[in-house]
Structures are given as structure tokens and as C-alpha cells.
Protein backbone atom coordinates (compact mmCIF):
# COMPACT_ATOMS: atom_id res chain seq x y z
CA MET A 1 29.32 -12.59 9.98
CA LYS A 2 30.44 -16.13 9.15
CA VAL A 3 27.85 -18.81 8.45
CA ILE A 4 28.95 -20.87 11.47
CA GLU A 5 28.35 -17.88 13.77
CA VAL A 6 24.87 -17.39 12.32
CA VAL A 7 24.13 -21.12 12.76
CA LYS A 8 25.35 -21.05 16.39
CA ILE A 9 23.09 -18.10 17.14
CA MET A 10 20.14 -19.69 15.32
CA ILE A 11 20.52 -23.04 17.07
CA GLY A 12 20.78 -21.35 20.45
CA LYS A 13 17.79 -19.11 19.91
CA ARG A 14 15.57 -21.89 18.64
CA VAL A 15 16.63 -24.49 21.22
CA LYS A 16 15.90 -22.04 24.03
CA GLU A 17 12.55 -20.99 22.53
CA LEU A 18 11.36 -24.56 22.06
CA ARG A 19 12.71 -25.76 25.41
CA ILE A 20 10.81 -23.01 27.23
CA GLU A 21 7.70 -23.60 25.10
CA LYS A 22 7.79 -27.29 26.12
CA GLY A 23 8.25 -26.33 29.78
CA LEU A 24 11.64 -28.01 30.11
CA SER A 25 14.59 -26.82 32.17
CA GLN A 26 18.09 -26.96 30.73
CA GLN A 27 18.73 -29.86 33.11
CA GLU A 28 15.70 -31.79 31.80
CA LEU A 29 16.65 -31.25 28.16
CA GLY A 30 20.20 -32.29 28.95
CA LEU A 31 18.98 -35.52 30.57
CA ALA A 32 16.74 -36.21 27.56
CA ILE A 33 19.64 -35.95 25.10
CA GLY A 34 22.45 -37.28 27.32
CA VAL A 35 24.43 -34.08 27.98
CA THR A 36 24.91 -31.79 30.95
CA LYS A 37 22.98 -28.64 31.78
CA VAL A 38 26.20 -26.74 31.04
CA SER A 39 26.22 -28.13 27.48
CA VAL A 40 22.61 -27.10 26.91
CA CYS A 41 23.42 -23.64 28.28
CA GLY A 42 26.37 -23.46 25.85
CA TYR A 43 24.15 -24.41 22.92
CA GLU A 44 21.60 -21.79 23.90
CA ASN A 45 24.05 -18.93 24.33
CA GLY A 46 26.00 -19.83 21.18
CA THR A 47 29.31 -20.75 22.79
CA ARG A 48 28.97 -24.43 21.85
CA VAL A 49 27.65 -26.24 18.80
CA PRO A 50 26.00 -29.63 19.33
CA SER A 51 27.44 -32.59 17.49
CA LEU A 52 25.34 -33.93 14.63
CA GLU A 53 24.20 -36.77 16.88
CA ASN A 54 23.16 -34.35 19.62
CA LEU A 55 21.48 -32.02 17.14
CA VAL A 56 19.28 -34.93 16.04
CA LYS A 57 18.55 -35.81 19.69
CA ILE A 58 17.63 -32.19 20.44
CA ALA A 59 15.28 -32.09 17.45
CA GLU A 60 13.61 -35.30 18.60
CA ALA A 61 13.32 -34.15 22.22
CA LEU A 62 11.80 -30.83 21.16
CA ALA A 63 9.54 -32.37 18.48
CA THR A 64 11.03 -30.34 15.64
CA THR A 65 13.39 -30.83 12.70
CA THR A 66 17.12 -30.31 12.45
CA ASP A 67 16.44 -27.95 9.54
CA TYR A 68 14.36 -25.76 11.83
CA LEU A 69 17.11 -25.71 14.48
CA LEU A 70 19.67 -24.79 11.81
CA GLY A 71 17.52 -21.93 10.54
CA ARG A 72 16.64 -23.56 7.24
CA GLU A 73 12.94 -23.65 8.04
CA VAL A 74 10.89 -20.72 9.24
CA PRO A 75 7.49 -20.55 10.88
CA ILE A 76 4.90 -18.99 8.58
CA ILE A 77 1.57 -17.59 9.74
CA ASN A 78 -1.15 -17.40 7.13
CA GLU A 79 -4.29 -15.28 7.06
CA GLU A 80 -6.24 -17.62 9.34
CA SER A 81 -3.54 -17.30 12.04
CA LYS A 82 -2.57 -20.91 11.51
CA SER A 83 1.17 -21.46 11.50
CA TYR A 84 3.20 -24.00 9.61
CA ILE A 85 6.87 -24.56 8.84
CA ALA A 86 8.40 -23.81 5.44
CA SER A 87 11.93 -24.27 4.16
CA ILE A 88 14.05 -21.38 2.97
CA SER A 89 17.46 -21.63 1.37
CA TYR A 90 20.53 -19.65 2.35
CA GLU A 91 20.41 -18.08 -1.13
CA ASP A 92 16.86 -16.85 -0.46
CA VAL A 93 17.93 -15.39 2.86
CA ARG A 94 20.92 -13.67 1.24
CA LEU A 95 18.66 -12.18 -1.44
CA ILE A 96 16.21 -10.85 1.14
CA LEU A 97 19.00 -9.39 3.27
CA GLU A 98 20.56 -7.71 0.24
CA LEU A 99 17.21 -6.26 -0.87
CA ARG A 100 16.71 -4.77 2.60
CA HIS A 101 19.72 -2.52 1.93
CA TYR A 102 17.39 -0.74 -0.53
CA PRO A 103 14.28 -0.01 1.58
CA ASN A 104 12.35 1.84 -1.15
CA LEU A 105 12.89 -1.01 -3.63
CA TYR A 106 12.18 -3.65 -0.98
CA ASN A 107 8.89 -2.04 0.06
CA LYS A 108 7.84 -1.58 -3.56
CA LEU A 109 8.56 -5.25 -4.29
CA LEU A 110 6.49 -6.31 -1.28
CA LYS A 111 3.43 -4.30 -2.30
CA ASP A 112 2.73 -6.55 -5.28
CA THR A 113 5.20 -9.42 -5.36
CA LYS A 114 3.66 -11.20 -8.33
CA ARG A 115 3.69 -8.06 -10.50
CA SER A 116 7.20 -7.14 -9.31
CA ALA A 117 8.56 -10.57 -10.21
CA SER A 118 6.92 -10.39 -13.63
CA ILE A 119 8.46 -6.97 -14.36
CA ILE A 120 11.91 -8.11 -13.23
CA ASN A 121 11.63 -11.26 -15.31
CA LYS A 122 10.64 -9.31 -18.44
CA ARG A 123 13.51 -6.86 -18.03
CA LEU A 124 16.25 -9.33 -17.14
CA MET A 125 15.42 -12.34 -19.27
CA PRO A 126 16.01 -12.24 -23.03
CA LYS A 127 13.01 -12.82 -25.25
CA ASP A 128 12.91 -16.18 -27.01
């Protein structure tokens, strides 16, 4: 899947989620950012991509960041059930997706991430 397709899907999913969470209709969000309900519907179902200007307006109207709408930030929930937003790079996402092709390895890495990273580092990096 091309990056632009992933971004279209991500924007649509997140705009719809946040719009509903804020209790806004597509019409109301459209009015807030200066576009029609049809445009908002297109953003949400991935058939249209908002212009940079409209992406910024959407982020402002939904009290979020453009990075979140683009899928570059993810919500994280810690042990106390408090959530916060963290950034993740496309390279990190690609690594995770590739590792998931090897479920046994992926699950083993997740059991003790610190130890796993240390072992990988020792085996891949030359000694000084």
C-alpha cells in the first residue's frame, strides 16, 4: 500500500473518531473549517485529502495536532490508565510491521524489550 493511501485512511479514521468524540456532525465540522459536509465526508472515508490549510484547521477545530491526524503520533496508555500522545516515525512503524511477520520473534522481543535490545546490539554492533 502506498504511503498516500495509508495517510488518507489514517486522516479519515482519526478525523471521524475525534469529530464524534467532540459531538460534532460532519456539517458542524465543515462549518468550523470552511468546507462542505461532503468534503468532511470525503476526508473521513478516504476519498479526499484535505489541503494543508484545511488539515491545520481540522486539527485546531478538533483540538489535536496535524501529526496525530497524519498518523505520526499515537495515543499511549500507561499503567495508571492515563493516556498521552507520543510521536512515532514511519521507520519505527515499518520496523514493527516487518517484525510482525515473524510472530515468534516478535513475541519474544516483547517479553523483555530491554534485554532483547541489548542482545541484538551486542550481536550486531562490532566491539570497540
